[in-house]
């Protein structure tokens, strides 16, 4: 049994960090320092530094595409035209929530709602986070609704325990291979990290 390779990383938020750590372990890599930048713009401002570090050791940077470009390849070409050899710059289309929604059975079980309500092609959703919150609002379990859905008049996009609930889902329920079969952007991320795990650049 060989020693697992440590991979450093950077993400926008705590949910992204939980997802990336799970994916790294799933492909046989060990999460090193995974930095949470608290926002996409902060992450992109630090991207050159991360890319420089990736000249010497493996790095993965995960960002949401959001509405910044019509497709991930164009966005990557704009913000990181010359990635370092050991850099895996991955883009969730259009947000990490699409990767979570892609495990239809997992989402159905965790949110306590019929699988038929879960979108079949989450990468095509314009706002995966909103879609996930809307699904949670239909949950048969009151605690799910209270934690994930924003309270009336709060002015927030998500509920008070949104991040912790999604982290619970990621760690205990999310089937990555099932999700990758329905999310091309997740599949590309998994495949790239498997190349790193096998010793490729």
N, C-alpha and C. Protein backbone atom coordinates (compact mmCIF):
# COMPACT_ATOMS: atom_id res chain seq x y z
N UNK A 1 0.85 -1.19 0.00
CA UNK A 1 0.00 0.00 0.00
C UNK A 1 0.89 1.24 0.00
N UNK A 2 0.76 2.09 -1.01
CA UNK A 2 1.57 3.29 -1.10
C UNK A 2 1.04 4.37 -0.18
N UNK A 3 1.88 5.37 0.02
CA UNK A 3 1.49 6.51 0.85
C UNK A 3 0.57 7.41 0.04
N UNK A 4 -0.53 7.81 0.64
CA UNK A 4 -1.49 8.67 -0.04
C UNK A 4 -0.90 10.05 -0.26
N UNK A 5 -1.12 10.60 -1.43
CA UNK A 5 -0.59 11.91 -1.79
C UNK A 5 -1.43 13.01 -1.16
N UNK A 6 -0.76 13.97 -0.53
CA UNK A 6 -1.45 15.12 0.04
C UNK A 6 -1.69 16.16 -1.05
N UNK A 7 -2.88 16.72 -1.05
CA UNK A 7 -3.24 17.76 -2.03
C UNK A 7 -3.76 18.97 -1.29
N UNK A 8 -3.17 20.12 -1.55
CA UNK A 8 -3.66 21.38 -0.98
C UNK A 8 -4.78 21.91 -1.87
N UNK A 9 -5.57 22.83 -1.31
CA UNK A 9 -6.67 23.36 -2.12
C UNK A 9 -7.22 24.66 -1.60
N UNK A 10 -8.07 25.26 -2.42
CA UNK A 10 -8.75 26.50 -2.04
C UNK A 10 -10.16 26.45 -2.61
N UNK A 11 -11.11 26.95 -1.81
CA UNK A 11 -12.52 26.94 -2.19
C UNK A 11 -13.17 28.23 -1.73
N UNK A 12 -14.40 28.44 -2.17
CA UNK A 12 -15.12 29.66 -1.81
C UNK A 12 -15.71 29.62 -0.40
N UNK A 13 -16.29 28.47 -0.02
CA UNK A 13 -17.02 28.42 1.24
C UNK A 13 -16.90 27.07 1.92
N UNK A 14 -17.51 26.96 3.09
CA UNK A 14 -17.37 25.76 3.91
C UNK A 14 -18.02 24.53 3.28
N UNK A 15 -19.13 24.72 2.58
CA UNK A 15 -19.77 23.59 1.90
C UNK A 15 -18.86 23.06 0.80
N UNK A 16 -18.23 23.97 0.06
CA UNK A 16 -17.30 23.57 -0.99
C UNK A 16 -16.12 22.79 -0.39
N UNK A 17 -15.66 23.24 0.77
CA UNK A 17 -14.54 22.56 1.42
C UNK A 17 -14.92 21.12 1.78
N UNK A 18 -16.10 20.93 2.33
CA UNK A 18 -16.55 19.59 2.69
C UNK A 18 -16.65 18.70 1.45
N UNK A 19 -17.18 19.27 0.36
CA UNK A 19 -17.32 18.50 -0.88
C UNK A 19 -15.96 18.13 -1.45
N UNK A 20 -15.05 19.09 -1.48
CA UNK A 20 -13.72 18.81 -2.04
C UNK A 20 -12.98 17.77 -1.21
N UNK A 21 -13.06 17.87 0.11
CA UNK A 21 -12.40 16.88 0.97
C UNK A 21 -12.94 15.48 0.71
N UNK A 22 -14.26 15.37 0.55
CA UNK A 22 -14.87 14.06 0.26
C UNK A 22 -14.39 13.51 -1.07
N UNK A 23 -14.34 14.39 -2.10
CA UNK A 23 -13.91 13.94 -3.43
C UNK A 23 -12.46 13.48 -3.40
N UNK A 24 -11.61 14.25 -2.72
CA UNK A 24 -10.20 13.86 -2.64
C UNK A 24 -10.05 12.48 -2.00
N UNK A 25 -10.74 12.25 -0.90
CA UNK A 25 -10.66 10.94 -0.23
C UNK A 25 -11.24 9.85 -1.13
N UNK A 26 -12.29 10.19 -1.85
CA UNK A 26 -12.97 9.22 -2.71
C UNK A 26 -12.03 8.67 -3.78
N UNK A 27 -11.13 9.51 -4.28
CA UNK A 27 -10.22 9.06 -5.34
C UNK A 27 -8.88 8.57 -4.78
N UNK A 28 -8.75 8.53 -3.45
CA UNK A 28 -7.55 8.00 -2.84
C UNK A 28 -6.48 9.02 -2.52
N UNK A 29 -6.85 10.30 -2.50
CA UNK A 29 -5.93 11.36 -2.13
C UNK A 29 -6.21 11.82 -0.70
N UNK A 30 -5.24 12.47 -0.08
CA UNK A 30 -5.41 12.97 1.28
C UNK A 30 -5.52 14.49 1.25
N UNK A 31 -6.61 15.05 1.78
CA UNK A 31 -6.72 16.51 1.82
C UNK A 31 -5.63 17.10 2.70
N UNK A 32 -4.88 18.03 2.14
CA UNK A 32 -3.93 18.80 2.92
C UNK A 32 -4.63 20.04 3.44
N UNK A 33 -3.96 21.17 3.42
CA UNK A 33 -4.61 22.42 3.81
C UNK A 33 -5.60 22.82 2.74
N UNK A 34 -6.87 22.96 3.12
CA UNK A 34 -7.93 23.39 2.20
C UNK A 34 -8.42 24.75 2.69
N UNK A 35 -8.06 25.79 1.96
CA UNK A 35 -8.34 27.15 2.40
C UNK A 35 -9.72 27.61 1.94
N UNK A 36 -10.48 28.18 2.87
CA UNK A 36 -11.79 28.76 2.57
C UNK A 36 -11.61 30.27 2.47
N UNK A 37 -11.89 30.83 1.29
CA UNK A 37 -11.62 32.25 1.06
C UNK A 37 -12.82 33.15 1.35
N UNK A 38 -13.97 32.55 1.64
CA UNK A 38 -15.18 33.33 1.91
C UNK A 38 -15.55 34.22 0.73
N UNK A 39 -15.60 33.61 -0.44
CA UNK A 39 -16.07 34.35 -1.61
C UNK A 39 -15.22 34.10 -2.84
N UNK A 40 -15.88 34.17 -3.98
CA UNK A 40 -15.22 33.88 -5.25
C UNK A 40 -14.16 34.91 -5.61
N UNK A 41 -14.48 36.19 -5.41
CA UNK A 41 -13.53 37.23 -5.80
C UNK A 41 -12.25 37.15 -4.99
N UNK A 42 -12.37 36.86 -3.70
CA UNK A 42 -11.17 36.70 -2.87
C UNK A 42 -10.33 35.52 -3.37
N UNK A 43 -11.00 34.45 -3.73
CA UNK A 43 -10.28 33.28 -4.23
C UNK A 43 -9.54 33.62 -5.52
N UNK A 44 -10.23 34.28 -6.44
CA UNK A 44 -9.60 34.60 -7.73
C UNK A 44 -8.44 35.56 -7.57
N UNK A 45 -8.52 36.46 -6.58
CA UNK A 45 -7.40 37.38 -6.35
C UNK A 45 -6.15 36.63 -5.87
N UNK A 46 -6.36 35.48 -5.25
CA UNK A 46 -5.23 34.69 -4.75
C UNK A 46 -4.81 33.58 -5.71
N UNK A 47 -5.48 33.49 -6.85
CA UNK A 47 -5.27 32.37 -7.76
C UNK A 47 -3.83 32.29 -8.28
N UNK A 48 -3.23 33.43 -8.57
CA UNK A 48 -1.85 33.41 -9.07
C UNK A 48 -0.90 32.80 -8.04
N UNK A 49 -1.13 33.10 -6.77
CA UNK A 49 -0.31 32.52 -5.72
C UNK A 49 -0.50 31.02 -5.60
N UNK A 50 -1.75 30.57 -5.67
CA UNK A 50 -2.01 29.13 -5.64
C UNK A 50 -1.35 28.44 -6.84
N UNK A 51 -1.45 29.09 -7.99
CA UNK A 51 -0.88 28.50 -9.20
C UNK A 51 0.64 28.41 -9.09
N UNK A 52 1.25 29.39 -8.47
CA UNK A 52 2.69 29.34 -8.27
C UNK A 52 3.07 28.19 -7.34
N UNK A 53 2.27 27.99 -6.28
CA UNK A 53 2.52 26.89 -5.35
C UNK A 53 2.40 25.55 -6.06
N UNK A 54 1.52 25.48 -7.07
CA UNK A 54 1.28 24.23 -7.79
C UNK A 54 2.42 23.88 -8.74
N UNK A 55 3.43 24.72 -8.82
CA UNK A 55 4.64 24.34 -9.56
C UNK A 55 5.42 23.28 -8.80
N UNK A 56 5.18 23.20 -7.49
CA UNK A 56 6.01 22.34 -6.64
C UNK A 56 5.24 21.18 -6.00
N UNK A 57 3.94 21.34 -5.79
CA UNK A 57 3.14 20.29 -5.16
C UNK A 57 1.71 20.38 -5.67
N UNK A 58 0.95 19.28 -5.56
CA UNK A 58 -0.40 19.25 -6.13
C UNK A 58 -1.36 20.22 -5.43
N UNK A 59 -2.13 20.92 -6.24
CA UNK A 59 -3.15 21.84 -5.75
C UNK A 59 -4.43 21.63 -6.54
N UNK A 60 -5.55 21.83 -5.85
CA UNK A 60 -6.85 21.88 -6.53
C UNK A 60 -7.58 23.13 -6.05
N UNK A 61 -8.05 23.91 -6.99
CA UNK A 61 -8.84 25.09 -6.69
C UNK A 61 -10.23 24.88 -7.29
N UNK A 62 -11.24 25.01 -6.46
CA UNK A 62 -12.62 24.76 -6.87
C UNK A 62 -13.44 26.04 -6.77
N UNK A 63 -14.06 26.43 -7.88
CA UNK A 63 -14.91 27.62 -7.89
C UNK A 63 -16.24 27.29 -8.56
N UNK A 64 -17.25 28.08 -8.25
CA UNK A 64 -18.54 27.98 -8.93
C UNK A 64 -18.50 28.80 -10.20
N UNK A 65 -19.09 28.28 -11.27
CA UNK A 65 -19.18 29.05 -12.50
C UNK A 65 -20.14 30.21 -12.34
N UNK A 66 -21.24 29.98 -11.59
CA UNK A 66 -22.29 30.99 -11.43
C UNK A 66 -22.72 31.46 -12.82
N UNK A 67 -22.87 32.76 -13.01
CA UNK A 67 -23.26 33.29 -14.32
C UNK A 67 -22.13 34.01 -15.00
N UNK A 68 -20.88 33.70 -14.62
CA UNK A 68 -19.74 34.47 -15.10
C UNK A 68 -19.34 34.16 -16.54
N UNK A 69 -19.76 33.03 -17.06
CA UNK A 69 -19.42 32.65 -18.43
C UNK A 69 -20.43 31.61 -18.89
N UNK A 70 -20.61 31.47 -20.21
CA UNK A 70 -21.58 30.48 -20.70
C UNK A 70 -21.14 29.04 -20.47
N UNK A 71 -19.83 28.82 -20.30
CA UNK A 71 -19.34 27.46 -20.08
C UNK A 71 -18.04 27.50 -19.29
N UNK A 72 -17.73 26.38 -18.66
CA UNK A 72 -16.54 26.32 -17.81
C UNK A 72 -15.23 26.52 -18.58
N UNK A 73 -15.04 25.91 -19.77
CA UNK A 73 -13.77 26.11 -20.48
C UNK A 73 -13.46 27.57 -20.77
N UNK A 74 -14.46 28.34 -21.13
CA UNK A 74 -14.22 29.75 -21.41
C UNK A 74 -13.81 30.48 -20.14
N UNK A 75 -14.47 30.17 -19.03
CA UNK A 75 -14.13 30.80 -17.76
C UNK A 75 -12.70 30.46 -17.36
N UNK A 76 -12.32 29.20 -17.49
CA UNK A 76 -10.97 28.78 -17.14
C UNK A 76 -9.94 29.51 -18.00
N UNK A 77 -10.22 29.62 -19.29
CA UNK A 77 -9.29 30.29 -20.20
C UNK A 77 -9.10 31.76 -19.83
N UNK A 78 -10.14 32.36 -19.28
CA UNK A 78 -10.07 33.77 -18.92
C UNK A 78 -9.30 34.00 -17.62
N UNK A 79 -9.53 33.16 -16.62
CA UNK A 79 -8.95 33.44 -15.30
C UNK A 79 -7.64 32.69 -15.03
N UNK A 80 -7.40 31.58 -15.72
CA UNK A 80 -6.15 30.85 -15.52
C UNK A 80 -5.69 30.25 -16.85
N UNK A 81 -5.21 31.11 -17.76
CA UNK A 81 -4.82 30.62 -19.09
C UNK A 81 -3.59 29.72 -19.08
N UNK A 82 -2.75 29.82 -18.03
CA UNK A 82 -1.52 29.03 -17.99
C UNK A 82 -1.39 28.31 -16.64
N UNK A 83 -2.17 27.26 -16.44
CA UNK A 83 -2.10 26.55 -15.16
C UNK A 83 -0.76 25.84 -14.99
N UNK A 84 -0.29 25.82 -13.75
CA UNK A 84 0.94 25.09 -13.44
C UNK A 84 0.72 23.59 -13.63
N UNK A 85 1.83 22.87 -13.73
CA UNK A 85 1.77 21.44 -14.03
C UNK A 85 0.95 20.67 -13.01
N UNK A 86 1.05 21.06 -11.74
CA UNK A 86 0.37 20.32 -10.68
C UNK A 86 -0.92 21.00 -10.21
N UNK A 87 -1.45 21.91 -11.01
CA UNK A 87 -2.69 22.61 -10.67
C UNK A 87 -3.90 21.92 -11.29
N UNK A 88 -4.89 21.65 -10.47
CA UNK A 88 -6.20 21.19 -10.95
C UNK A 88 -7.19 22.30 -10.64
N UNK A 89 -7.51 23.09 -11.64
CA UNK A 89 -8.46 24.19 -11.47
C UNK A 89 -9.81 23.70 -11.97
N UNK A 90 -10.74 23.48 -11.03
CA UNK A 90 -12.01 22.85 -11.39
C UNK A 90 -13.16 23.82 -11.16
N UNK A 91 -14.16 23.72 -12.03
CA UNK A 91 -15.30 24.63 -12.01
C UNK A 91 -16.58 23.83 -11.87
N UNK A 92 -17.36 24.13 -10.84
CA UNK A 92 -18.68 23.50 -10.66
C UNK A 92 -19.70 24.28 -11.49
N UNK A 93 -20.43 23.57 -12.33
CA UNK A 93 -21.45 24.19 -13.20
C UNK A 93 -22.82 23.93 -12.58
N UNK A 94 -23.51 25.02 -12.20
CA UNK A 94 -23.01 26.37 -12.00
C UNK A 94 -22.65 26.66 -10.56
N UNK A 95 -22.77 25.64 -9.72
CA UNK A 95 -22.40 25.77 -8.31
C UNK A 95 -22.22 24.37 -7.74
N UNK A 96 -21.52 24.26 -6.63
CA UNK A 96 -21.29 22.96 -6.00
C UNK A 96 -22.60 22.26 -5.68
N UNK A 97 -23.65 23.04 -5.43
CA UNK A 97 -24.95 22.43 -5.14
C UNK A 97 -25.44 21.54 -6.29
N UNK A 98 -25.03 21.85 -7.52
CA UNK A 98 -25.43 20.98 -8.64
C UNK A 98 -24.79 19.60 -8.49
N UNK A 99 -23.58 19.55 -7.97
CA UNK A 99 -22.92 18.26 -7.73
C UNK A 99 -23.65 17.48 -6.64
N UNK A 100 -24.14 18.18 -5.65
CA UNK A 100 -24.85 17.50 -4.56
C UNK A 100 -26.21 16.99 -5.02
N UNK A 101 -26.89 17.80 -5.83
CA UNK A 101 -28.20 17.41 -6.36
C UNK A 101 -28.10 16.22 -7.32
N UNK A 102 -26.92 16.02 -7.90
CA UNK A 102 -26.77 14.99 -8.93
C UNK A 102 -26.93 13.58 -8.39
N UNK A 103 -26.77 13.39 -7.10
CA UNK A 103 -27.06 12.08 -6.49
C UNK A 103 -28.54 12.09 -6.12
N UNK A 104 -29.36 11.70 -7.06
CA UNK A 104 -30.81 11.82 -6.90
C UNK A 104 -31.31 11.02 -5.70
N UNK A 105 -30.86 9.78 -5.57
CA UNK A 105 -31.35 8.97 -4.46
C UNK A 105 -30.87 9.51 -3.12
N UNK A 106 -29.65 10.00 -3.09
CA UNK A 106 -29.12 10.56 -1.85
C UNK A 106 -29.89 11.80 -1.42
N UNK A 107 -30.16 12.68 -2.37
CA UNK A 107 -30.92 13.90 -2.07
C UNK A 107 -32.33 13.56 -1.62
N UNK A 108 -32.94 12.62 -2.34
CA UNK A 108 -34.30 12.20 -2.01
C UNK A 108 -34.38 11.67 -0.58
N UNK A 109 -33.43 10.83 -0.21
CA UNK A 109 -33.42 10.25 1.13
C UNK A 109 -33.14 11.31 2.19
N UNK A 110 -32.15 12.16 1.94
CA UNK A 110 -31.74 13.14 2.94
C UNK A 110 -32.81 14.21 3.17
N UNK A 111 -33.44 14.65 2.08
CA UNK A 111 -34.45 15.71 2.20
C UNK A 111 -35.85 15.17 2.48
N UNK A 112 -36.00 13.85 2.46
CA UNK A 112 -37.30 13.23 2.72
C UNK A 112 -38.35 13.72 1.73
N UNK A 113 -38.07 13.47 0.45
CA UNK A 113 -39.04 13.80 -0.60
C UNK A 113 -38.86 12.82 -1.75
N UNK A 114 -39.86 12.72 -2.64
CA UNK A 114 -39.78 11.76 -3.74
C UNK A 114 -38.63 12.06 -4.69
N UNK A 115 -37.98 11.01 -5.18
CA UNK A 115 -36.86 11.18 -6.10
C UNK A 115 -37.29 11.89 -7.38
N UNK A 116 -38.54 11.74 -7.76
CA UNK A 116 -39.03 12.37 -8.99
C UNK A 116 -38.98 13.89 -8.93
N UNK A 117 -38.90 14.45 -7.74
CA UNK A 117 -38.82 15.91 -7.60
C UNK A 117 -37.41 16.46 -7.84
N UNK A 118 -36.40 15.60 -7.77
CA UNK A 118 -35.01 16.05 -7.89
C UNK A 118 -34.66 16.23 -9.37
N UNK A 119 -34.10 17.36 -9.77
CA UNK A 119 -33.76 17.61 -11.18
C UNK A 119 -32.82 16.55 -11.73
N UNK A 120 -33.10 16.09 -12.95
CA UNK A 120 -32.31 15.02 -13.55
C UNK A 120 -30.98 15.52 -14.12
N UNK A 121 -30.91 16.81 -14.49
CA UNK A 121 -29.69 17.37 -15.09
C UNK A 121 -29.29 18.63 -14.33
N UNK A 122 -28.71 18.48 -13.16
CA UNK A 122 -28.44 19.64 -12.31
C UNK A 122 -27.46 20.64 -12.90
N UNK A 123 -26.55 20.19 -13.78
CA UNK A 123 -25.61 21.14 -14.39
C UNK A 123 -26.33 22.14 -15.30
N UNK A 124 -27.56 21.84 -15.67
CA UNK A 124 -28.33 22.75 -16.53
C UNK A 124 -29.13 23.78 -15.73
N UNK A 125 -29.14 23.65 -14.43
CA UNK A 125 -29.91 24.59 -13.60
C UNK A 125 -29.24 25.95 -13.55
N UNK A 126 -29.99 27.04 -13.72
CA UNK A 126 -29.39 28.37 -13.63
C UNK A 126 -28.96 28.74 -12.22
N UNK A 127 -29.63 28.18 -11.21
CA UNK A 127 -29.31 28.51 -9.82
C UNK A 127 -29.49 27.26 -8.95
N UNK A 128 -28.48 26.39 -8.91
CA UNK A 128 -28.60 25.14 -8.16
C UNK A 128 -28.86 25.34 -6.67
N UNK A 129 -28.29 26.38 -6.08
CA UNK A 129 -28.52 26.63 -4.66
C UNK A 129 -29.99 26.91 -4.41
N UNK A 130 -30.59 27.74 -5.25
CA UNK A 130 -32.02 28.04 -5.11
C UNK A 130 -32.85 26.78 -5.31
N UNK A 131 -32.45 25.96 -6.27
CA UNK A 131 -33.18 24.72 -6.52
C UNK A 131 -33.12 23.80 -5.31
N UNK A 132 -31.97 23.73 -4.65
CA UNK A 132 -31.84 22.88 -3.48
C UNK A 132 -32.70 23.40 -2.33
N UNK A 133 -32.67 24.71 -2.13
CA UNK A 133 -33.49 25.31 -1.07
C UNK A 133 -34.98 25.07 -1.34
N UNK A 134 -35.38 25.21 -2.60
CA UNK A 134 -36.78 24.98 -2.96
C UNK A 134 -37.19 23.53 -2.71
N UNK A 135 -36.29 22.60 -2.97
CA UNK A 135 -36.57 21.20 -2.67
C UNK A 135 -36.73 20.99 -1.17
N UNK A 136 -35.83 21.60 -0.40
CA UNK A 136 -35.91 21.45 1.05
C UNK A 136 -37.22 21.99 1.60
N UNK A 137 -37.75 23.02 0.96
CA UNK A 137 -39.02 23.60 1.40
C UNK A 137 -40.17 22.60 1.26
N UNK A 138 -39.98 21.58 0.41
CA UNK A 138 -41.01 20.56 0.20
C UNK A 138 -40.77 19.32 1.06
N UNK A 139 -39.73 19.35 1.87
CA UNK A 139 -39.39 18.19 2.69
C UNK A 139 -40.52 17.84 3.66
N UNK A 140 -40.67 16.53 3.88
CA UNK A 140 -41.66 16.07 4.85
C UNK A 140 -41.14 16.20 6.28
N UNK A 141 -39.87 16.54 6.43
CA UNK A 141 -39.25 16.64 7.75
C UNK A 141 -39.10 18.11 8.14
N UNK A 142 -39.75 18.48 9.23
CA UNK A 142 -39.76 19.88 9.66
C UNK A 142 -38.36 20.41 9.94
N UNK A 143 -37.50 19.58 10.52
CA UNK A 143 -36.15 20.04 10.86
C UNK A 143 -35.35 20.42 9.62
N UNK A 144 -35.56 19.69 8.53
CA UNK A 144 -34.88 20.02 7.27
C UNK A 144 -35.35 21.38 6.78
N UNK A 145 -36.65 21.59 6.79
CA UNK A 145 -37.20 22.87 6.33
C UNK A 145 -36.68 24.02 7.19
N UNK A 146 -36.67 23.83 8.49
CA UNK A 146 -36.24 24.89 9.40
C UNK A 146 -34.76 25.23 9.24
N UNK A 147 -33.95 24.24 8.93
CA UNK A 147 -32.50 24.45 8.86
C UNK A 147 -32.04 24.99 7.51
N UNK A 148 -32.66 24.56 6.42
CA UNK A 148 -32.17 24.87 5.08
C UNK A 148 -32.91 26.03 4.42
N UNK A 149 -34.18 26.17 4.73
CA UNK A 149 -35.01 27.20 4.08
C UNK A 149 -34.93 28.50 4.87
N UNK A 150 -34.71 29.63 4.20
CA UNK A 150 -34.63 30.91 4.94
C UNK A 150 -35.96 31.26 5.60
N UNK A 151 -35.87 31.88 6.73
CA UNK A 151 -37.08 32.28 7.45
C UNK A 151 -37.68 33.52 6.79
N UNK A 152 -39.01 33.61 6.77
CA UNK A 152 -39.66 34.77 6.16
C UNK A 152 -39.16 36.07 6.78
N UNK A 153 -38.83 37.01 5.93
CA UNK A 153 -38.38 38.31 6.40
C UNK A 153 -36.93 38.37 6.80
N UNK A 154 -36.20 37.25 6.68
CA UNK A 154 -34.79 37.24 7.09
C UNK A 154 -33.89 37.96 6.09
N UNK A 155 -34.34 38.02 4.85
CA UNK A 155 -33.51 38.62 3.81
C UNK A 155 -32.36 37.74 3.36
N UNK A 156 -32.33 36.52 3.84
CA UNK A 156 -31.25 35.60 3.50
C UNK A 156 -31.68 34.65 2.39
N UNK A 157 -30.69 34.11 1.68
CA UNK A 157 -30.98 33.17 0.60
C UNK A 157 -31.12 31.74 1.11
N UNK A 158 -30.57 31.48 2.29
CA UNK A 158 -30.60 30.13 2.84
C UNK A 158 -30.96 30.17 4.32
N UNK A 159 -31.27 29.00 4.86
CA UNK A 159 -31.65 28.90 6.26
C UNK A 159 -30.46 28.97 7.21
N UNK A 160 -30.73 29.00 8.52
CA UNK A 160 -29.68 29.22 9.51
C UNK A 160 -28.65 28.10 9.63
N UNK A 161 -29.03 26.88 9.25
CA UNK A 161 -28.09 25.76 9.36
C UNK A 161 -27.82 25.13 8.00
N UNK A 162 -27.91 25.95 6.96
CA UNK A 162 -27.72 25.46 5.58
C UNK A 162 -26.37 24.75 5.43
N UNK A 163 -25.29 25.41 5.81
CA UNK A 163 -23.96 24.84 5.59
C UNK A 163 -23.75 23.56 6.40
N UNK A 164 -24.18 23.55 7.64
CA UNK A 164 -23.97 22.36 8.47
C UNK A 164 -24.81 21.19 7.98
N UNK A 165 -26.02 21.46 7.52
CA UNK A 165 -26.86 20.38 6.97
C UNK A 165 -26.26 19.80 5.69
N UNK A 166 -25.75 20.67 4.82
CA UNK A 166 -25.16 20.16 3.58
C UNK A 166 -23.86 19.41 3.87
N UNK A 167 -23.12 19.86 4.85
CA UNK A 167 -21.92 19.13 5.24
C UNK A 167 -22.28 17.74 5.75
N UNK A 168 -23.35 17.65 6.52
CA UNK A 168 -23.84 16.34 6.98
C UNK A 168 -24.19 15.45 5.80
N UNK A 169 -24.88 16.02 4.82
CA UNK A 169 -25.25 15.26 3.62
C UNK A 169 -24.00 14.79 2.88
N UNK A 170 -23.05 15.69 2.69
CA UNK A 170 -21.82 15.37 1.96
C UNK A 170 -21.06 14.23 2.64
N UNK A 171 -20.95 14.30 3.94
CA UNK A 171 -20.14 13.32 4.67
C UNK A 171 -20.81 11.97 4.83
N UNK A 172 -22.13 11.97 4.97
CA UNK A 172 -22.83 10.74 5.35
C UNK A 172 -23.74 10.14 4.28
N UNK A 173 -24.09 10.91 3.26
CA UNK A 173 -25.10 10.43 2.31
C UNK A 173 -24.69 10.52 0.84
N UNK A 174 -23.85 11.44 0.48
CA UNK A 174 -23.54 11.74 -0.92
C UNK A 174 -22.75 10.62 -1.57
N UNK A 175 -23.29 10.05 -2.66
CA UNK A 175 -22.60 9.02 -3.44
C UNK A 175 -21.98 9.70 -4.65
N UNK A 176 -20.67 9.86 -4.62
CA UNK A 176 -19.99 10.66 -5.63
C UNK A 176 -20.07 10.04 -7.02
N UNK A 177 -19.90 8.73 -7.13
CA UNK A 177 -19.95 8.11 -8.45
C UNK A 177 -21.34 8.25 -9.07
N UNK A 178 -22.38 8.08 -8.26
CA UNK A 178 -23.74 8.27 -8.77
C UNK A 178 -23.95 9.71 -9.22
N UNK A 179 -23.42 10.65 -8.45
CA UNK A 179 -23.56 12.06 -8.80
C UNK A 179 -22.79 12.39 -10.07
N UNK A 180 -21.59 11.84 -10.22
CA UNK A 180 -20.76 12.12 -11.39
C UNK A 180 -21.42 11.63 -12.67
N UNK A 181 -22.26 10.62 -12.57
CA UNK A 181 -22.95 10.11 -13.75
C UNK A 181 -23.98 11.11 -14.28
N UNK A 182 -24.41 12.05 -13.44
CA UNK A 182 -25.42 13.03 -13.86
C UNK A 182 -24.87 14.45 -13.92
N UNK A 183 -23.64 14.65 -13.47
CA UNK A 183 -23.03 15.98 -13.50
C UNK A 183 -21.71 15.92 -14.25
N UNK A 184 -21.69 16.35 -15.51
CA UNK A 184 -20.44 16.31 -16.27
C UNK A 184 -19.31 17.10 -15.61
N UNK A 185 -19.63 18.22 -14.97
CA UNK A 185 -18.56 19.01 -14.36
C UNK A 185 -17.96 18.29 -13.15
N UNK A 186 -18.77 17.56 -12.41
CA UNK A 186 -18.24 16.75 -11.31
C UNK A 186 -17.41 15.60 -11.86
N UNK A 187 -17.89 14.97 -12.92
CA UNK A 187 -17.14 13.86 -13.53
C UNK A 187 -15.76 14.32 -13.98
N UNK A 188 -15.68 15.52 -14.56
CA UNK A 188 -14.38 16.04 -14.99
C UNK A 188 -13.45 16.28 -13.80
N UNK A 189 -14.02 16.77 -12.70
CA UNK A 189 -13.22 16.98 -11.49
C UNK A 189 -12.69 15.66 -10.95
N UNK A 190 -13.55 14.68 -10.84
CA UNK A 190 -13.15 13.37 -10.33
C UNK A 190 -12.07 12.76 -11.22
N UNK A 191 -12.26 12.84 -12.52
CA UNK A 191 -11.29 12.25 -13.44
C UNK A 191 -9.93 12.93 -13.35
N UNK A 192 -9.95 14.26 -13.23
CA UNK A 192 -8.68 15.00 -13.12
C UNK A 192 -7.93 14.61 -11.84
N UNK A 193 -8.67 14.47 -10.75
CA UNK A 193 -8.03 14.11 -9.49
C UNK A 193 -7.53 12.67 -9.51
N UNK A 194 -8.19 11.82 -10.26
CA UNK A 194 -7.70 10.44 -10.39
C UNK A 194 -6.38 10.40 -11.15
N UNK A 195 -6.22 11.29 -12.12
CA UNK A 195 -4.94 11.39 -12.83
C UNK A 195 -3.83 11.77 -11.85
N UNK A 196 -4.13 12.75 -10.98
CA UNK A 196 -3.15 13.15 -9.96
C UNK A 196 -2.83 11.99 -9.03
N UNK A 197 -3.86 11.26 -8.63
CA UNK A 197 -3.67 10.14 -7.70
C UNK A 197 -2.78 9.06 -8.30
N UNK A 198 -2.87 8.90 -9.62
CA UNK A 198 -2.06 7.88 -10.29
C UNK A 198 -0.65 8.37 -10.61
N UNK A 199 -0.37 9.63 -10.23
CA UNK A 199 0.98 10.14 -10.42
C UNK A 199 1.17 10.98 -11.64
N UNK A 200 0.05 11.29 -12.34
CA UNK A 200 0.16 12.15 -13.51
C UNK A 200 0.09 13.60 -13.11
N UNK A 201 0.38 14.47 -14.06
CA UNK A 201 0.35 15.91 -13.78
C UNK A 201 -1.07 16.42 -13.82
